[in-house]
Amino acid sequence: MLSEKQIYRLVMLYCRPIVFISGLSTLAGAGTLLMVGSKTFLSALYIVTLLKVLVVAVSVVLLKLMAREREYYFYINIGQHPRKLLKMALCFDAFIYFTVCLFIFVLRYVFKF
């Protein structure tokens, strides 16, 4: 049985391109949300979120198209299905994105930053 740390390493091994691209899009979205004015914050949040979803969807499709069959069976033989690893990476990315957006929202409207 694999430990939690080994499972997270497998997630990073299998989904490294997705995590990298979605991390860059999270940074770009956070930068955009920091630069817009207070009146246009919510509309910018909506647009940035749609673009983030689009970028992640395209990167998942590209990962699926470029994955080799040997890699797919490697993860299955270890006992971790690639779909499970992908879901874990996407959930982690969504958690980070919403945490960053919530932090920026609190900075904007609570502390008037």
PDB file of N, CA and C in Angstrom:
ATOM      1  N   MET A   1       0.843  -1.178   0.000  1.00  0.00           N
ATOM      2  CA  MET A   1       0.000   0.000   0.000  1.00  0.00           C
ATOM      3  C   MET A   1       0.887   1.238   0.000  1.00  0.00           C
ATOM      4  N   LEU A   2       0.510   2.200  -0.792  1.00  0.00           N
ATOM      5  CA  LEU A   2       1.277   3.437  -0.899  1.00  0.00           C
ATOM      6  C   LEU A   2       0.896   4.417   0.206  1.00  0.00           C
ATOM      7  N   SER A   3       1.879   5.155   0.677  1.00  0.00           N
ATOM      8  CA  SER A   3       1.611   6.167   1.693  1.00  0.00           C
ATOM      9  C   SER A   3       1.062   7.426   1.020  1.00  0.00           C
ATOM     10  N   GLU A   4       0.594   8.346   1.838  1.00  0.00           N
ATOM     11  CA  GLU A   4       0.066   9.609   1.320  1.00  0.00           C
ATOM     12  C   GLU A   4       1.134  10.371   0.542  1.00  0.00           C
ATOM     13  N   LYS A   5       2.330  10.403   1.075  1.00  0.00           N
ATOM     14  CA  LYS A   5       3.419  11.123   0.421  1.00  0.00           C
ATOM     15  C   LYS A   5       3.731  10.516  -0.946  1.00  0.00           C
ATOM     16  N   GLN A   6       3.724   9.196  -1.047  1.00  0.00           N
ATOM     17  CA  GLN A   6       3.984   8.543  -2.326  1.00  0.00           C
ATOM     18  C   GLN A   6       2.863   8.814  -3.328  1.00  0.00           C
ATOM     19  N   ILE A   7       1.642   8.877  -2.860  1.00  0.00           N
ATOM     20  CA  ILE A   7       0.518   9.177  -3.753  1.00  0.00           C
ATOM     21  C   ILE A   7       0.639  10.597  -4.284  1.00  0.00           C
ATOM     22  N   TYR A   8       0.993  11.539  -3.415  1.00  0.00           N
ATOM     23  CA  TYR A   8       1.163  12.925  -3.870  1.00  0.00           C
ATOM     24  C   TYR A   8       2.323  13.057  -4.848  1.00  0.00           C
ATOM     25  N   ARG A   9       3.359  12.271  -4.655  1.00  0.00           N
ATOM     26  CA  ARG A   9       4.466  12.273  -5.611  1.00  0.00           C
ATOM     27  C   ARG A   9       4.020  11.723  -6.962  1.00  0.00           C
ATOM     28  N   LEU A  10       3.164  10.705  -6.940  1.00  0.00           N
ATOM     29  CA  LEU A  10       2.626  10.173  -8.198  1.00  0.00           C
ATOM     30  C   LEU A  10       1.744  11.206  -8.897  1.00  0.00           C
ATOM     31  N   VAL A  11       0.967  11.954  -8.114  1.00  0.00           N
ATOM     32  CA  VAL A  11       0.146  13.014  -8.698  1.00  0.00           C
ATOM     33  C   VAL A  11       1.039  14.022  -9.401  1.00  0.00           C
ATOM     34  N   MET A  12       2.111  14.424  -8.736  1.00  0.00           N
ATOM     35  CA  MET A  12       3.020  15.398  -9.345  1.00  0.00           C
ATOM     36  C   MET A  12       3.755  14.809 -10.541  1.00  0.00           C
ATOM     37  N   LEU A  13       4.040  13.524 -10.505  1.00  0.00           N
ATOM     38  CA  LEU A  13       4.717  12.883 -11.628  1.00  0.00           C
ATOM     39  C   LEU A  13       3.802  12.792 -12.844  1.00  0.00           C
ATOM     40  N   TYR A  14       2.558  12.413 -12.626  1.00  0.00           N
ATOM     41  CA  TYR A  14       1.633  12.228 -13.738  1.00  0.00           C
ATOM     42  C   TYR A  14       1.062  13.552 -14.244  1.00  0.00           C
ATOM     43  N   CYS A  15       0.754  14.463 -13.334  1.00  0.00           N
ATOM     44  CA  CYS A  15       0.043  15.688 -13.691  1.00  0.00           C
ATOM     45  C   CYS A  15       0.920  16.933 -13.634  1.00  0.00           C
ATOM     46  N   ARG A  16       2.208  16.798 -13.734  1.00  0.00           N
ATOM     47  CA  ARG A  16       3.100  17.949 -13.655  1.00  0.00           C
ATOM     48  C   ARG A  16       2.773  19.037 -14.672  1.00  0.00           C
ATOM     49  N   PRO A  17       2.510  18.700 -15.944  1.00  0.00           N
ATOM     50  CA  PRO A  17       2.174  19.785 -16.898  1.00  0.00           C
ATOM     51  C   PRO A  17       0.895  20.531 -16.529  1.00  0.00           C
ATOM     52  N   ILE A  18      -0.104  19.809 -16.060  1.00  0.00           N
ATOM     53  CA  ILE A  18      -1.365  20.449 -15.695  1.00  0.00           C
ATOM     54  C   ILE A  18      -1.178  21.347 -14.488  1.00  0.00           C
ATOM     55  N   VAL A  19      -0.455  20.851 -13.493  1.00  0.00           N
ATOM     56  CA  VAL A  19      -0.218  21.655 -12.287  1.00  0.00           C
ATOM     57  C   VAL A  19       0.590  22.899 -12.629  1.00  0.00           C
ATOM     58  N   PHE A  20       1.567  22.780 -13.510  1.00  0.00           N
ATOM     59  CA  PHE A  20       2.386  23.923 -13.893  1.00  0.00           C
ATOM     60  C   PHE A  20       1.564  24.959 -14.655  1.00  0.00           C
ATOM     61  N   ILE A  21       0.810  24.521 -15.646  1.00  0.00           N
ATOM     62  CA  ILE A  21       0.005  25.449 -16.451  1.00  0.00           C
ATOM     63  C   ILE A  21      -1.100  26.086 -15.611  1.00  0.00           C
ATOM     64  N   SER A  22      -1.748  25.301 -14.777  1.00  0.00           N
ATOM     65  CA  SER A  22      -2.810  25.876 -13.950  1.00  0.00           C
ATOM     66  C   SER A  22      -2.238  26.789 -12.868  1.00  0.00           C
ATOM     67  N   GLY A  23      -1.035  26.507 -12.394  1.00  0.00           N
ATOM     68  CA  GLY A  23      -0.395  27.412 -11.449  1.00  0.00           C
ATOM     69  C   GLY A  23      -0.076  28.751 -12.078  1.00  0.00           C
ATOM     70  N   LEU A  24       0.396  28.709 -13.319  1.00  0.00           N
ATOM     71  CA  LEU A  24       0.650  29.960 -14.030  1.00  0.00           C
ATOM     72  C   LEU A  24      -0.637  30.739 -14.268  1.00  0.00           C
ATOM     73  N   SER A  25      -1.709  30.033 -14.595  1.00  0.00           N
ATOM     74  CA  SER A  25      -2.977  30.735 -14.813  1.00  0.00           C
ATOM     75  C   SER A  25      -3.541  31.279 -13.499  1.00  0.00           C
ATOM     76  N   THR A  26      -3.286  30.602 -12.396  1.00  0.00           N
ATOM     77  CA  THR A  26      -3.702  31.121 -11.090  1.00  0.00           C
ATOM     78  C   THR A  26      -2.939  32.401 -10.763  1.00  0.00           C
ATOM     79  N   LEU A  27      -1.633  32.404 -11.018  1.00  0.00           N
ATOM     80  CA  LEU A  27      -0.838  33.614 -10.780  1.00  0.00           C
ATOM     81  C   LEU A  27      -1.289  34.765 -11.678  1.00  0.00           C
ATOM     82  N   ALA A  28      -1.580  34.462 -12.939  1.00  0.00           N
ATOM     83  CA  ALA A  28      -2.047  35.500 -13.856  1.00  0.00           C
ATOM     84  C   ALA A  28      -3.411  36.044 -13.418  1.00  0.00           C
ATOM     85  N   GLY A  29      -4.289  35.157 -12.996  1.00  0.00           N
ATOM     86  CA  GLY A  29      -5.599  35.589 -12.520  1.00  0.00           C
ATOM     87  C   GLY A  29      -5.496  36.414 -11.251  1.00  0.00           C
ATOM     88  N   ALA A  30      -4.612  36.023 -10.340  1.00  0.00           N
ATOM     89  CA  ALA A  30      -4.429  36.789  -9.110  1.00  0.00           C
ATOM     90  C   ALA A  30      -3.859  38.168  -9.414  1.00  0.00           C
ATOM     91  N   GLY A  31      -2.932  38.226 -10.347  1.00  0.00           N
ATOM     92  CA  GLY A  31      -2.394  39.524 -10.743  1.00  0.00           C
ATOM     93  C   GLY A  31      -3.447  40.418 -11.361  1.00  0.00           C
ATOM     94  N   THR A  32      -4.302  39.832 -12.165  1.00  0.00           N
ATOM     95  CA  THR A  32      -5.392  40.596 -12.776  1.00  0.00           C
ATOM     96  C   THR A  32      -6.354  41.111 -11.713  1.00  0.00           C
ATOM     97  N   LEU A  33      -6.690  40.254 -10.756  1.00  0.00           N
ATOM     98  CA  LEU A  33      -7.620  40.668  -9.709  1.00  0.00           C
ATOM     99  C   LEU A  33      -7.022  41.731  -8.795  1.00  0.00           C
ATOM    100  N   LEU A  34      -5.727  41.725  -8.644  1.00  0.00           N
ATOM    101  CA  LEU A  34      -5.091  42.769  -7.843  1.00  0.00           C
ATOM    102  C   LEU A  34      -5.033  44.103  -8.572  1.00  0.00           C
ATOM    103  N   MET A  35      -5.022  44.074  -9.886  1.00  0.00           N
ATOM    104  CA  MET A  35      -4.880  45.295 -10.667  1.00  0.00           C
ATOM    105  C   MET A  35      -6.200  45.996 -10.991  1.00  0.00           C
ATOM    106  N   VAL A  36      -7.307  45.273 -10.987  1.00  0.00           N
ATOM    107  CA  VAL A  36      -8.573  45.909 -11.358  1.00  0.00           C
ATOM    108  C   VAL A  36      -9.097  46.753 -10.204  1.00  0.00           C
ATOM    109  N   GLY A  37      -9.985  47.679 -10.540  1.00  0.00           N
ATOM    110  CA  GLY A  37     -10.585  48.537  -9.532  1.00  0.00           C
ATOM    111  C   GLY A  37     -11.632  47.802  -8.717  1.00  0.00           C
ATOM    112  N   SER A  38     -12.062  48.426  -7.648  1.00  0.00           N
ATOM    113  CA  SER A  38     -13.038  47.798  -6.750  1.00  0.00           C
ATOM    114  C   SER A  38     -14.400  47.614  -7.400  1.00  0.00           C
ATOM    115  N   LYS A  39     -14.760  48.508  -8.305  1.00  0.00           N
ATOM    116  CA  LYS A  39     -16.077  48.424  -8.933  1.00  0.00           C
ATOM    117  C   LYS A  39     -16.154  47.311  -9.974  1.00  0.00           C
ATOM    118  N   THR A  40     -15.054  46.977 -10.582  1.00  0.00           N
ATOM    119  CA  THR A  40     -15.055  45.941 -11.615  1.00  0.00           C
ATOM    120  C   THR A  40     -14.486  44.616 -11.115  1.00  0.00           C
ATOM    121  N   PHE A  41     -14.310  44.493  -9.814  1.00  0.00           N
ATOM    122  CA  PHE A  41     -13.687  43.290  -9.266  1.00  0.00           C
ATOM    123  C   PHE A  41     -14.503  42.028  -9.538  1.00  0.00           C
ATOM    124  N   LEU A  42     -15.791  42.085  -9.275  1.00  0.00           N
ATOM    125  CA  LEU A  42     -16.615  40.877  -9.429  1.00  0.00           C
ATOM    126  C   LEU A  42     -16.734  40.441 -10.891  1.00  0.00           C
ATOM    127  N   SER A  43     -16.867  41.387 -11.796  1.00  0.00           N
ATOM    128  CA  SER A  43     -16.925  41.003 -13.211  1.00  0.00           C
ATOM    129  C   SER A  43     -15.568  40.461 -13.672  1.00  0.00           C
ATOM    130  N   ALA A  44     -14.492  41.039 -13.177  1.00  0.00           N
ATOM    131  CA  ALA A  44     -13.163  40.515 -13.521  1.00  0.00           C
ATOM    132  C   ALA A  44     -12.967  39.127 -12.928  1.00  0.00           C
ATOM    133  N   LEU A  45     -13.480  38.902 -11.717  1.00  0.00           N
ATOM    134  CA  LEU A  45     -13.394  37.574 -11.099  1.00  0.00           C
ATOM    135  C   LEU A  45     -14.131  36.539 -11.940  1.00  0.00           C
ATOM    136  N   TYR A  46     -15.284  36.906 -12.445  1.00  0.00           N
ATOM    137  CA  TYR A  46     -16.068  36.009 -13.298  1.00  0.00           C
ATOM    138  C   TYR A  46     -15.305  35.671 -14.580  1.00  0.00           C
ATOM    139  N   ILE A  47     -14.747  36.663 -15.221  1.00  0.00           N
ATOM    140  CA  ILE A  47     -14.012  36.441 -16.476  1.00  0.00           C
ATOM    141  C   ILE A  47     -12.744  35.640 -16.239  1.00  0.00           C
ATOM    142  N   VAL A  48     -12.020  35.965 -15.184  1.00  0.00           N
ATOM    143  CA  VAL A  48     -10.782  35.243 -14.874  1.00  0.00           C
ATOM    144  C   VAL A  48     -11.085  33.786 -14.543  1.00  0.00           C
ATOM    145  N   THR A  49     -12.175  33.541 -13.837  1.00  0.00           N
ATOM    146  CA  THR A  49     -12.551  32.163 -13.505  1.00  0.00           C
ATOM    147  C   THR A  49     -12.909  31.376 -14.762  1.00  0.00           C
ATOM    148  N   LEU A  50     -13.634  31.995 -15.682  1.00  0.00           N
ATOM    149  CA  LEU A  50     -13.954  31.316 -16.942  1.00  0.00           C
ATOM    150  C   LEU A  50     -12.696  31.000 -17.747  1.00  0.00           C
ATOM    151  N   LEU A  51     -11.768  31.944 -17.791  1.00  0.00           N
ATOM    152  CA  LEU A  51     -10.513  31.695 -18.498  1.00  0.00           C
ATOM    153  C   LEU A  51      -9.695  30.607 -17.820  1.00  0.00           C
ATOM    154  N   LYS A  52      -9.717  30.583 -16.506  1.00  0.00           N
ATOM    155  CA  LYS A  52      -8.995  29.549 -15.754  1.00  0.00           C
ATOM    156  C   LYS A  52      -9.570  28.169 -16.078  1.00  0.00           C
ATOM    157  N   VAL A  53     -10.885  28.054 -16.094  1.00  0.00           N
ATOM    158  CA  VAL A  53     -11.524  26.778 -16.421  1.00  0.00           C
ATOM    159  C   VAL A  53     -11.183  26.356 -17.847  1.00  0.00           C
ATOM    160  N   LEU A  54     -11.171  27.302 -18.761  1.00  0.00           N
ATOM    161  CA  LEU A  54     -10.829  27.010 -20.151  1.00  0.00           C
ATOM    162  C   LEU A  54      -9.381  26.520 -20.270  1.00  0.00           C
ATOM    163  N   VAL A  55      -8.469  27.175 -19.594  1.00  0.00           N
ATOM    164  CA  VAL A  55      -7.056  26.778 -19.646  1.00  0.00           C
ATOM    165  C   VAL A  55      -6.860  25.389 -19.062  1.00  0.00           C
ATOM    166  N   VAL A  56      -7.508  25.109 -17.947  1.00  0.00           N
ATOM    167  CA  VAL A  56      -7.374  23.785 -17.329  1.00  0.00           C
ATOM    168  C   VAL A  56      -7.995  22.711 -18.223  1.00  0.00           C
ATOM    169  N   ALA A  57      -9.138  23.002 -18.832  1.00  0.00           N
ATOM    170  CA  ALA A  57      -9.772  22.027 -19.718  1.00  0.00           C
ATOM    171  C   ALA A  57      -8.893  21.715 -20.924  1.00  0.00           C
ATOM    172  N   VAL A  58      -8.300  22.734 -21.516  1.00  0.00           N
ATOM    173  CA  VAL A  58      -7.419  22.519 -22.663  1.00  0.00           C
ATOM    174  C   VAL A  58      -6.187  21.734 -22.247  1.00  0.00           C
ATOM    175  N   SER A  59      -5.635  22.025 -21.079  1.00  0.00           N
ATOM    176  CA  SER A  59      -4.448  21.290 -20.647  1.00  0.00           C
ATOM    177  C   SER A  59      -4.775  19.833 -20.325  1.00  0.00           C
ATOM    178  N   VAL A  60      -5.962  19.558 -19.804  1.00  0.00           N
ATOM    179  CA  VAL A  60      -6.359  18.162 -19.553  1.00  0.00           C
ATOM    180  C   VAL A  60      -6.510  17.415 -20.871  1.00  0.00           C
ATOM    181  N   VAL A  61      -7.134  18.050 -21.846  1.00  0.00           N
ATOM    182  CA  VAL A  61      -7.295  17.412 -23.161  1.00  0.00           C
ATOM    183  C   VAL A  61      -5.928  17.135 -23.782  1.00  0.00           C
ATOM    184  N   LEU A  62      -5.029  18.092 -23.692  1.00  0.00           N
ATOM    185  CA  LEU A  62      -3.685  17.880 -24.244  1.00  0.00           C
ATOM    186  C   LEU A  62      -2.936  16.775 -23.511  1.00  0.00           C
ATOM    187  N   LEU A  63      -3.105  16.695 -22.199  1.00  0.00           N
ATOM    188  CA  LEU A  63      -2.465  15.612 -21.439  1.00  0.00           C
ATOM    189  C   LEU A  63      -2.998  14.259 -21.889  1.00  0.00           C
ATOM    190  N   LYS A  64      -4.295  14.175 -22.077  1.00  0.00           N
ATOM    191  CA  LYS A  64      -4.898  12.909 -22.526  1.00  0.00           C
ATOM    192  C   LYS A  64      -4.416  12.533 -23.927  1.00  0.00           C
ATOM    193  N   LEU A  65      -4.282  13.520 -24.798  1.00  0.00           N
ATOM    194  CA  LEU A  65      -3.845  13.232 -26.165  1.00  0.00           C
ATOM    195  C   LEU A  65      -2.372  12.834 -26.229  1.00  0.00           C
ATOM    196  N   MET A  66      -1.569  13.380 -25.348  1.00  0.00           N
ATOM    197  CA  MET A  66      -0.134  13.133 -25.408  1.00  0.00           C
ATOM    198  C   MET A  66       0.328  11.981 -24.519  1.00  0.00           C
ATOM    199  N   ALA A  67      -0.563  11.436 -23.690  1.00  0.00           N
ATOM    200  CA  ALA A  67      -0.177  10.358 -22.781  1.00  0.00           C
ATOM    201  C   ALA A  67       0.091   9.074 -23.561  1.00  0.00           C
ATOM    202  N   ARG A  68       1.145   8.402 -23.153  1.00  0.00           N
ATOM    203  CA  ARG A  68       1.469   7.117 -23.772  1.00  0.00           C
ATOM    204  C   ARG A  68       0.761   5.996 -23.020  1.00  0.00           C
ATOM    205  N   GLU A  69       0.490   4.935 -23.722  1.00  0.00           N
ATOM    206  CA  GLU A  69      -0.232   3.825 -23.121  1.00  0.00           C
ATOM    207  C   GLU A  69       0.587   3.132 -22.041  1.00  0.00           C
ATOM    208  N   ARG A  70       1.906   3.121 -22.211  1.00  0.00           N
ATOM    209  CA  ARG A  70       2.771   2.494 -21.199  1.00  0.00           C
ATOM    210  C   ARG A  70       2.670   3.224 -19.861  1.00  0.00           C
ATOM    211  N   GLU A  71       2.628   4.548 -19.906  1.00  0.00           N
ATOM    212  CA  GLU A  71       2.498   5.315 -18.670  1.00  0.00           C
ATOM    213  C   GLU A  71       1.165   5.030 -17.992  1.00  0.00           C
ATOM    214  N   TYR A  72       0.128   4.909 -18.778  1.00  0.00           N
ATOM    215  CA  TYR A  72      -1.199   4.640 -18.249  1.00  0.00           C
ATOM    216  C   TYR A  72      -1.202   3.332 -17.465  1.00  0.00           C
ATOM    217  N   TYR A  73      -0.623   2.290 -18.050  1.00  0.00           N
ATOM    218  CA  TYR A  73      -0.586   0.989 -17.380  1.00  0.00           C
ATOM    219  C   TYR A  73       0.378   0.975 -16.207  1.00  0.00           C
ATOM    220  N   PHE A  74       1.406   1.805 -16.240  1.00  0.00           N
ATOM    221  CA  PHE A  74       2.335   1.903 -15.121  1.00  0.00           C
ATOM    222  C   PHE A  74       1.604   2.324 -13.856  1.00  0.00           C
ATOM    223  N   TYR A  75       0.777   3.339 -13.953  1.00  0.00           N
ATOM    224  CA  TYR A  75       0.044   3.832 -12.784  1.00  0.00           C
ATOM    225  C   TYR A  75      -1.022   2.850 -12.332  1.00  0.00           C
ATOM    226  N   ILE A  76      -1.640   2.142 -13.273  1.00  0.00           N
ATOM    227  CA  ILE A  76      -2.631   1.139 -12.904  1.00  0.00           C
ATOM    228  C   ILE A  76      -1.963  -0.015 -12.162  1.00  0.00           C
ATOM    229  N   ASN A  77      -0.779  -0.422 -12.625  1.00  0.00           N
ATOM    230  CA  ASN A  77      -0.067  -1.511 -11.954  1.00  0.00           C
ATOM    231  C   ASN A  77       0.387  -1.129 -10.553  1.00  0.00           C
ATOM    232  N   ILE A  78       0.669   0.120 -10.324  1.00  0.00           N
ATOM    233  CA  ILE A  78       1.042   0.579  -8.988  1.00  0.00           C
ATOM    234  C   ILE A  78      -0.179   0.577  -8.066  1.00  0.00           C
ATOM    235  N   GLY A  79      -1.352   0.693  -8.635  1.00  0.00           N
ATOM    236  CA  GLY A  79      -2.572   0.691  -7.834  1.00  0.00           C
ATOM    237  C   GLY A  79      -3.256   2.040  -7.794  1.00  0.00           C
ATOM    238  N   GLN A  80      -2.771   2.979  -8.592  1.00  0.00           N
ATOM    239  CA  GLN A  80      -3.380   4.304  -8.647  1.00  0.00           C
ATOM    240  C   GLN A  80      -3.826   4.570 -10.077  1.00  0.00           C
ATOM    241  N   HIS A  81      -5.104   4.681 -10.262  1.00  0.00           N
ATOM    242  CA  HIS A  81      -5.614   4.929 -11.602  1.00  0.00           C
ATOM    243  C   HIS A  81      -5.296   6.362 -12.011  1.00  0.00           C
ATOM    244  N   PRO A  82      -4.897   6.585 -13.268  1.00  0.00           N
ATOM    245  CA  PRO A  82      -4.577   7.952 -13.716  1.00  0.00           C
ATOM    246  C   PRO A  82      -5.735   8.932 -13.566  1.00  0.00           C
ATOM    247  N   ARG A  83      -6.967   8.469 -13.699  1.00  0.00           N
ATOM    248  CA  ARG A  83      -8.106   9.366 -13.507  1.00  0.00           C
ATOM    249  C   ARG A  83      -8.174   9.874 -12.063  1.00  0.00           C
ATOM    250  N   LYS A  84      -7.862   8.996 -11.130  1.00  0.00           N
ATOM    251  CA  LYS A  84      -7.855   9.395  -9.719  1.00  0.00           C
ATOM    252  C   LYS A  84      -6.753  10.423  -9.467  1.00  0.00           C
ATOM    253  N   LEU A  85      -5.593  10.204 -10.049  1.00  0.00           N
ATOM    254  CA  LEU A  85      -4.488  11.144  -9.889  1.00  0.00           C
ATOM    255  C   LEU A  85      -4.840  12.497 -10.500  1.00  0.00           C
ATOM    256  N   LEU A  86      -5.494  12.467 -11.661  1.00  0.00           N
ATOM    257  CA  LEU A  86      -5.907  13.707 -12.318  1.00  0.00           C
ATOM    258  C   LEU A  86      -6.950  14.447 -11.489  1.00  0.00           C
ATOM    259  N   LYS A  87      -7.895  13.724 -10.927  1.00  0.00           N
ATOM    260  CA  LYS A  87      -8.912  14.353 -10.084  1.00  0.00           C
ATOM    261  C   LYS A  87      -8.284  14.982  -8.853  1.00  0.00           C
ATOM    262  N   MET A  88      -7.299  14.318  -8.270  1.00  0.00           N
ATOM    263  CA  MET A  88      -6.619  14.883  -7.101  1.00  0.00           C
ATOM    264  C   MET A  88      -5.892  16.166  -7.466  1.00  0.00           C
ATOM    265  N   ALA A  89      -5.237  16.174  -8.628  1.00  0.00           N
ATOM    266  CA  ALA A  89      -4.515  17.378  -9.067  1.00  0.00           C
ATOM    267  C   ALA A  89      -5.478  18.517  -9.345  1.00  0.00           C
ATOM    268  N   LEU A  90      -6.609  18.225  -9.976  1.00  0.00           N
ATOM    269  CA  LEU A  90      -7.592  19.271 -10.275  1.00  0.00           C
ATOM    270  C   LEU A  90      -8.254  19.807  -9.014  1.00  0.00           C
ATOM    271  N   CYS A  91      -8.511  18.942  -8.050  1.00  0.00           N
ATOM    272  CA  CYS A  91      -9.087  19.404  -6.774  1.00  0.00           C
ATOM    273  C   CYS A  91      -8.097  20.285  -6.021  1.00  0.00           C
ATOM    274  N   PHE A  92      -6.835  19.910  -6.036  1.00  0.00           N
ATOM    275  CA  PHE A  92      -5.805  20.720  -5.392  1.00  0.00           C
ATOM    276  C   PHE A  92      -5.705  22.085  -6.072  1.00  0.00           C
ATOM    277  N   ASP A  93      -5.740  22.097  -7.389  1.00  0.00           N
ATOM    278  CA  ASP A  93      -5.676  23.349  -8.131  1.00  0.00           C
ATOM    279  C   ASP A  93      -6.884  24.227  -7.837  1.00  0.00           C
ATOM    280  N   ALA A  94      -8.062  23.646  -7.815  1.00  0.00           N
ATOM    281  CA  ALA A  94      -9.273  24.418  -7.524  1.00  0.00           C
ATOM    282  C   ALA A  94      -9.227  24.985  -6.106  1.00  0.00           C
ATOM    283  N   PHE A  95      -8.734  24.208  -5.158  1.00  0.00           N
ATOM    284  CA  PHE A  95      -8.625  24.684  -3.784  1.00  0.00           C
ATOM    285  C   PHE A  95      -7.670  25.875  -3.696  1.00  0.00           C
ATOM    286  N   ILE A  96      -6.529  25.772  -4.343  1.00  0.00           N
ATOM    287  CA  ILE A  96      -5.562  26.866  -4.333  1.00  0.00           C
ATOM    288  C   ILE A  96      -6.154  28.106  -5.006  1.00  0.00           C
ATOM    289  N   TYR A  97      -6.815  27.928  -6.144  1.00  0.00           N
ATOM    290  CA  TYR A  97      -7.389  29.060  -6.877  1.00  0.00           C
ATOM    291  C   TYR A  97      -8.449  29.782  -6.042  1.00  0.00           C
ATOM    292  N   PHE A  98      -9.366  29.034  -5.455  1.00  0.00           N
ATOM    293  CA  PHE A  98     -10.417  29.674  -4.680  1.00  0.00           C
ATOM    294  C   PHE A  98      -9.880  30.293  -3.396  1.00  0.00           C
ATOM    295  N   THR A  99      -8.841  29.714  -2.820  1.00  0.00           N
ATOM    296  CA  THR A  99      -8.211  30.301  -1.644  1.00  0.00           C
ATOM    297  C   THR A  99      -7.555  31.638  -1.991  1.00  0.00           C
ATOM    298  N   VAL A 100      -6.855  31.683  -3.126  1.00  0.00           N
ATOM    299  CA  VAL A 100      -6.219  32.935  -3.562  1.00  0.00           C
ATOM    300  C   VAL A 100      -7.274  33.985  -3.868  1.00  0.00           C
ATOM    301  N   CYS A 101      -8.341  33.606  -4.553  1.00  0.00           N
ATOM    302  CA  CYS A 101      -9.406  34.564  -4.871  1.00  0.00           C
ATOM    303  C   CYS A 101     -10.091  35.071  -3.602  1.00  0.00           C
ATOM    304  N   LEU A 102     -10.325  34.189  -2.645  1.00  0.00           N
ATOM    305  CA  LEU A 102     -10.937  34.603  -1.390  1.00  0.00           C
ATOM    306  C   LEU A 102     -10.019  35.543  -0.621  1.00  0.00           C
ATOM    307  N   PHE A 103      -8.730  35.266  -0.619  1.00  0.00           N
ATOM    308  CA  PHE A 103      -7.761  36.127   0.044  1.00  0.00           C
ATOM    309  C   PHE A 103      -7.746  37.526  -0.579  1.00  0.00           C
ATOM    310  N   ILE A 104      -7.759  37.571  -1.899  1.00  0.00           N
ATOM    311  CA  ILE A 104      -7.778  38.869  -2.587  1.00  0.00           C
ATOM    312  C   ILE A 104      -9.101  39.592  -2.329  1.00  0.00           C
ATOM    313  N   PHE A 105     -10.199  38.854  -2.311  1.00  0.00           N
ATOM    314  CA  PHE A 105     -11.505  39.441  -2.017  1.00  0.00           C
ATOM    315  C   PHE A 105     -11.526  40.058  -0.623  1.00  0.00           C
ATOM    316  N   VAL A 106     -10.982  39.339   0.358  1.00  0.00           N
ATOM    317  CA  VAL A 106     -10.926  39.853   1.727  1.00  0.00           C
ATOM    318  C   VAL A 106     -10.024  41.080   1.796  1.00  0.00           C
ATOM    319  N   LEU A 107      -8.898  41.052   1.099  1.00  0.00           N
ATOM    320  CA  LEU A 107      -8.013  42.217   1.066  1.00  0.00           C
ATOM    321  C   LEU A 107      -8.724  43.434   0.477  1.00  0.00           C
ATOM    322  N   ARG A 108      -9.494  43.205  -0.579  1.00  0.00           N
ATOM    323  CA  ARG A 108     -10.161  44.303  -1.278  1.00  0.00           C
ATOM    324  C   ARG A 108     -11.286  44.925  -0.457  1.00  0.00           C
ATOM    325  N   TYR A 109     -12.170  44.071   0.083  1.00  0.00           N
ATOM    326  CA  TYR A 109     -13.389  44.590   0.669  1.00  0.00           C
ATOM    327  C   TYR A 109     -13.382  44.700   2.191  1.00  0.00           C
ATOM    328  N   VAL A 110     -12.549  43.942   2.871  1.00  0.00           N
ATOM    329  CA  VAL A 110     -12.502  44.030   4.329  1.00  0.00           C
ATOM    330  C   VAL A 110     -11.439  45.020   4.770  1.00  0.00           C
ATOM    331  N   PHE A 111     -10.237  44.883   4.201  1.00  0.00           N
ATOM    332  CA  PHE A 111      -9.151  45.757   4.605  1.00  0.00           C
ATOM    333  C   PHE A 111      -8.970  46.962   3.692  1.00  0.00           C
ATOM    334  N   LYS A 112      -9.795  47.082   2.670  1.00  0.00           N
ATOM    335  CA  LYS A 112      -9.782  48.210   1.731  1.00  0.00           C
ATOM    336  C   LYS A 112      -8.399  48.417   1.111  1.00  0.00           C
ATOM    337  N   PHE A 113      -7.774  47.317   0.694  1.00  0.00           N
ATOM    338  CA  PHE A 113      -6.433  47.371   0.110  1.00  0.00           C
ATOM    339  C   PHE A 113      -6.507  47.713  -1.347  1.00  0.00           C
TER     340      PHE A 113
END
